[in-house]
N, C-alpha and C. Protein backbone atom coordinates (compact mmCIF):
# COMPACT_ATOMS: atom_id res chain seq x y z
N MET A 1 143.24 88.21 -80.74
CA MET A 1 142.32 87.14 -80.98
C MET A 1 142.91 86.16 -81.78
N ASN A 2 142.84 84.92 -81.32
CA ASN A 2 143.47 83.64 -82.06
C ASN A 2 142.24 83.12 -82.66
N ILE A 3 142.32 83.13 -84.09
CA ILE A 3 141.25 82.90 -85.10
C ILE A 3 141.62 81.13 -85.26
N THR A 4 140.54 80.37 -84.45
CA THR A 4 140.89 79.04 -84.66
C THR A 4 140.27 78.11 -85.63
N LYS A 5 139.20 78.83 -86.16
CA LYS A 5 138.48 78.14 -87.30
C LYS A 5 137.88 79.43 -88.57
N VAL A 6 138.08 79.05 -89.46
CA VAL A 6 137.54 80.19 -90.46
C VAL A 6 136.53 79.21 -91.31
N THR A 7 135.28 79.83 -91.60
CA THR A 7 134.70 79.22 -92.46
C THR A 7 134.05 80.41 -93.81
N VAL A 8 134.03 80.18 -95.02
CA VAL A 8 133.82 80.99 -95.85
C VAL A 8 132.55 80.88 -96.62
N CYS A 9 131.69 81.91 -96.42
CA CYS A 9 130.26 81.57 -97.02
C CYS A 9 129.96 82.45 -98.27
N ALA A 10 128.98 82.24 -99.15
CA ALA A 10 128.63 83.09 -100.25
C ALA A 10 129.80 83.50 -101.00
N LEU A 11 130.50 82.49 -101.32
CA LEU A 11 131.79 82.85 -102.30
C LEU A 11 131.11 83.08 -103.53
N LYS A 12 131.62 84.51 -104.21
CA LYS A 12 131.12 84.80 -105.32
C LYS A 12 132.27 85.56 -106.33
N SER A 13 132.33 85.24 -107.56
CA SER A 13 133.01 85.91 -108.59
C SER A 13 132.53 86.48 -109.71
N GLU A 14 133.09 87.58 -110.03
CA GLU A 14 132.63 88.34 -111.22
C GLU A 14 133.85 88.34 -112.15
N VAL A 15 133.69 87.50 -113.15
CA VAL A 15 134.63 87.20 -114.07
C VAL A 15 135.40 88.48 -114.62
N VAL A 16 134.44 89.29 -115.42
CA VAL A 16 134.56 90.62 -116.27
C VAL A 16 135.41 91.29 -115.18
N LYS A 17 134.97 91.57 -114.06
CA LYS A 17 135.72 92.54 -113.18
C LYS A 17 136.94 91.99 -112.44
N ARG A 18 136.83 90.51 -112.56
CA ARG A 18 138.00 89.94 -111.57
C ARG A 18 138.04 90.03 -110.07
N CYS A 19 136.60 90.36 -109.80
CA CYS A 19 136.41 90.61 -108.25
C CYS A 19 135.72 89.31 -107.80
N HIS A 20 136.40 88.88 -106.38
CA HIS A 20 135.72 87.87 -105.76
C HIS A 20 135.43 88.55 -104.35
N SER A 21 134.49 87.67 -103.72
CA SER A 21 133.89 88.29 -102.51
C SER A 21 133.46 87.04 -101.59
N ALA A 22 133.66 87.24 -100.31
CA ALA A 22 132.86 86.04 -99.54
C ALA A 22 132.51 86.83 -98.36
N VAL A 23 131.76 85.76 -97.43
CA VAL A 23 131.77 86.17 -96.14
C VAL A 23 132.56 85.35 -95.09
N PHE A 24 133.18 85.73 -94.29
CA PHE A 24 134.17 85.08 -93.65
C PHE A 24 133.55 84.86 -92.10
N LEU A 25 133.49 83.77 -91.46
CA LEU A 25 133.14 83.57 -90.19
C LEU A 25 134.42 83.24 -89.57
N LEU A 26 134.85 84.25 -88.79
CA LEU A 26 136.17 83.78 -87.71
C LEU A 26 135.86 83.45 -86.62
N GLU A 27 136.16 82.26 -86.25
CA GLU A 27 135.98 81.82 -84.82
C GLU A 27 137.17 81.77 -83.99
N ASN A 28 136.89 82.04 -82.75
CA ASN A 28 137.87 81.97 -81.90
C ASN A 28 137.39 81.40 -80.37
N GLU A 29 138.21 81.14 -79.36
CA GLU A 29 137.57 80.72 -78.28
C GLU A 29 136.26 81.74 -77.53
N GLY A 30 136.18 82.66 -77.81
CA GLY A 30 135.41 83.53 -77.24
C GLY A 30 133.88 83.98 -78.01
N GLY A 31 134.36 83.41 -79.31
CA GLY A 31 132.80 83.41 -80.11
C GLY A 31 133.18 83.69 -81.70
N ARG A 32 132.37 84.46 -82.48
CA ARG A 32 132.50 84.53 -83.99
C ARG A 32 132.38 86.05 -84.44
N VAL A 33 133.15 86.15 -85.27
CA VAL A 33 133.17 87.59 -85.99
C VAL A 33 132.98 87.18 -87.62
N THR A 34 132.03 87.67 -87.97
CA THR A 34 131.66 87.76 -89.42
C THR A 34 132.19 88.99 -90.12
N MET A 35 132.79 88.76 -91.39
CA MET A 35 133.50 90.12 -91.99
C MET A 35 132.99 89.63 -93.59
N GLN A 36 132.71 90.51 -94.43
CA GLN A 36 132.50 90.63 -95.62
C GLN A 36 134.06 91.07 -96.34
N SER A 37 134.57 90.14 -97.20
CA SER A 37 135.80 90.24 -97.78
C SER A 37 135.85 90.50 -99.26
N THR A 38 136.74 91.19 -99.90
CA THR A 38 136.58 91.50 -101.69
C THR A 38 138.01 91.60 -102.02
N VAL A 39 138.30 91.00 -102.92
CA VAL A 39 139.66 91.12 -103.50
C VAL A 39 139.73 91.10 -105.07
N THR A 40 140.40 91.64 -105.76
CA THR A 40 140.66 91.37 -107.36
C THR A 40 141.87 90.35 -107.56
N ALA A 41 141.30 89.51 -108.08
CA ALA A 41 142.40 88.44 -108.68
C ALA A 41 142.35 87.98 -110.21
N GLU A 42 143.23 87.33 -110.76
CA GLU A 42 143.27 86.89 -112.03
C GLU A 42 142.14 85.71 -112.13
N GLU A 43 141.64 85.44 -113.35
CA GLU A 43 140.80 84.31 -113.85
C GLU A 43 141.64 83.12 -113.51
N GLY A 44 141.01 82.21 -113.01
CA GLY A 44 141.58 80.83 -112.84
C GLY A 44 142.45 80.68 -111.52
N VAL A 45 142.26 81.75 -110.52
CA VAL A 45 143.19 81.80 -109.60
C VAL A 45 143.10 80.39 -108.46
N ASP A 46 143.99 79.98 -107.95
CA ASP A 46 144.08 78.93 -107.13
C ASP A 46 143.15 79.09 -105.82
N PRO A 47 142.25 78.06 -105.77
CA PRO A 47 141.16 78.27 -104.79
C PRO A 47 141.90 78.71 -103.48
N ALA A 48 143.19 78.06 -103.09
CA ALA A 48 143.89 78.07 -101.91
C ALA A 48 144.31 79.43 -101.75
N ALA A 49 144.82 80.06 -102.72
CA ALA A 49 145.43 81.13 -102.92
C ALA A 49 144.20 82.44 -102.94
N LEU A 50 143.26 82.25 -103.38
CA LEU A 50 142.21 83.09 -103.21
C LEU A 50 141.43 82.96 -101.98
N ALA A 51 141.43 81.90 -100.99
CA ALA A 51 141.02 81.88 -99.95
C ALA A 51 141.92 82.77 -98.90
N GLU A 52 143.37 82.76 -99.13
CA GLU A 52 144.24 83.26 -98.39
C GLU A 52 144.02 84.78 -98.54
N ALA A 53 144.03 85.34 -99.76
CA ALA A 53 143.94 86.79 -100.22
C ALA A 53 142.69 87.18 -99.40
N LEU A 54 141.36 86.41 -99.54
CA LEU A 54 140.09 86.90 -98.93
C LEU A 54 140.24 86.97 -97.50
N LEU A 55 140.99 86.03 -96.72
CA LEU A 55 141.32 85.96 -95.37
C LEU A 55 142.30 87.20 -94.93
N ALA A 56 143.14 87.54 -95.74
CA ALA A 56 143.94 88.82 -95.54
C ALA A 56 143.19 90.14 -95.46
N ASP A 57 142.29 90.02 -96.39
CA ASP A 57 141.35 91.24 -96.53
C ASP A 57 140.47 91.41 -95.36
N ALA A 58 139.79 90.10 -94.72
CA ALA A 58 139.10 90.08 -93.61
C ALA A 58 139.94 90.62 -92.69
N ILE A 59 141.18 90.09 -92.33
CA ILE A 59 142.02 90.24 -91.04
C ILE A 59 142.37 91.94 -91.12
N ARG A 60 142.64 92.37 -92.12
CA ARG A 60 142.94 93.71 -92.45
C ARG A 60 141.78 94.59 -91.93
N GLN A 61 140.60 94.19 -92.43
CA GLN A 61 139.53 94.86 -91.61
C GLN A 61 139.16 95.03 -90.14
N LEU A 62 139.38 93.67 -89.82
CA LEU A 62 139.28 93.33 -88.46
C LEU A 62 140.23 94.18 -87.55
N ALA A 63 141.54 94.23 -88.00
CA ALA A 63 142.62 94.94 -87.51
C ALA A 63 142.57 96.64 -87.37
N ARG A 64 141.24 96.98 -88.17
CA ARG A 64 140.94 98.38 -88.03
C ARG A 64 139.86 98.62 -86.89
N LEU A 65 139.26 97.55 -86.37
CA LEU A 65 138.28 97.92 -85.43
C LEU A 65 138.87 98.17 -84.15
N PRO A 66 138.05 99.17 -83.28
CA PRO A 66 138.87 99.85 -82.15
C PRO A 66 139.75 99.11 -81.32
N GLU A 67 139.06 97.76 -81.04
CA GLU A 67 139.58 96.79 -79.93
C GLU A 67 140.93 96.24 -80.48
N TYR A 68 141.09 96.35 -81.62
CA TYR A 68 142.32 95.88 -82.35
C TYR A 68 143.06 96.87 -82.74
N ARG A 69 142.72 97.98 -83.06
CA ARG A 69 143.56 99.04 -83.76
C ARG A 69 145.10 99.58 -83.17
N THR A 70 144.82 99.43 -81.81
CA THR A 70 146.03 99.83 -80.90
C THR A 70 147.02 98.71 -81.09
N GLY A 71 146.87 97.38 -81.49
CA GLY A 71 147.94 96.45 -81.71
C GLY A 71 148.12 95.91 -80.07
N GLU A 72 147.58 96.37 -79.10
CA GLU A 72 147.62 95.69 -77.88
C GLU A 72 146.91 94.28 -78.12
N THR A 73 145.99 93.76 -78.80
CA THR A 73 145.43 92.52 -78.95
C THR A 73 145.79 92.08 -80.29
N PRO A 74 146.78 90.97 -80.37
CA PRO A 74 147.13 90.62 -81.62
C PRO A 74 145.99 89.58 -82.32
N ILE A 75 146.18 89.77 -83.58
CA ILE A 75 145.42 88.67 -84.55
C ILE A 75 146.00 87.83 -85.09
N THR A 76 145.89 86.52 -84.49
CA THR A 76 146.81 85.58 -85.04
C THR A 76 145.61 84.51 -85.66
N VAL A 77 146.25 83.64 -86.73
CA VAL A 77 145.34 82.48 -87.25
C VAL A 77 146.14 81.15 -86.92
N ALA A 78 145.14 80.44 -85.96
CA ALA A 78 145.96 79.09 -85.64
C ALA A 78 146.15 78.00 -87.06
N ASP A 79 147.10 77.15 -86.69
CA ASP A 79 147.57 76.23 -87.79
C ASP A 79 146.18 75.36 -88.16
N GLY A 80 146.04 75.14 -89.10
CA GLY A 80 144.88 74.23 -89.79
C GLY A 80 143.60 75.14 -89.55
N ALA A 81 143.48 76.52 -89.03
CA ALA A 81 142.19 77.08 -89.18
C ALA A 81 141.56 77.15 -90.52
N LEU A 82 142.18 77.24 -91.50
CA LEU A 82 141.64 77.44 -92.94
C LEU A 82 140.96 76.07 -93.69
N GLU A 83 141.75 75.06 -93.06
CA GLU A 83 141.46 73.44 -93.53
C GLU A 83 140.00 73.55 -93.55
N GLY A 84 139.49 73.16 -94.88
CA GLY A 84 138.10 72.78 -95.10
C GLY A 84 137.33 74.33 -95.26
N ALA A 85 137.71 75.56 -95.24
CA ALA A 85 137.31 76.75 -95.24
C ALA A 85 136.44 76.88 -96.42
N LEU A 86 136.69 76.23 -97.46
CA LEU A 86 135.73 76.63 -98.80
C LEU A 86 134.83 75.65 -99.02
N GLN A 87 134.93 74.64 -98.37
CA GLN A 87 133.70 73.39 -98.50
C GLN A 87 132.34 74.16 -98.45
N GLY A 88 131.68 74.15 -99.53
CA GLY A 88 130.31 74.53 -99.44
C GLY A 88 130.21 76.23 -99.68
N ALA A 89 131.21 76.72 -100.00
CA ALA A 89 131.17 78.11 -100.24
C ALA A 89 130.71 78.49 -101.54
């Protein structure tokens, strides 16, 4: 799966628990996959770093799905796929 576009929806942060979550729409030439992602990060984390950490969690989950678990189908992220991902999140 070559992820060509990433959209982040419903970004939420719980300051006390340092927990950040979002819904990711991962698009490729064949369609779209929706993943719920959650990470723990320090308060005031850079938005780009937070987006990358959340995306890494979404890809980790995606890699556990049966069609990707064997490693026969690689998961890649196209250059520029994250551009504008946080707009409107």
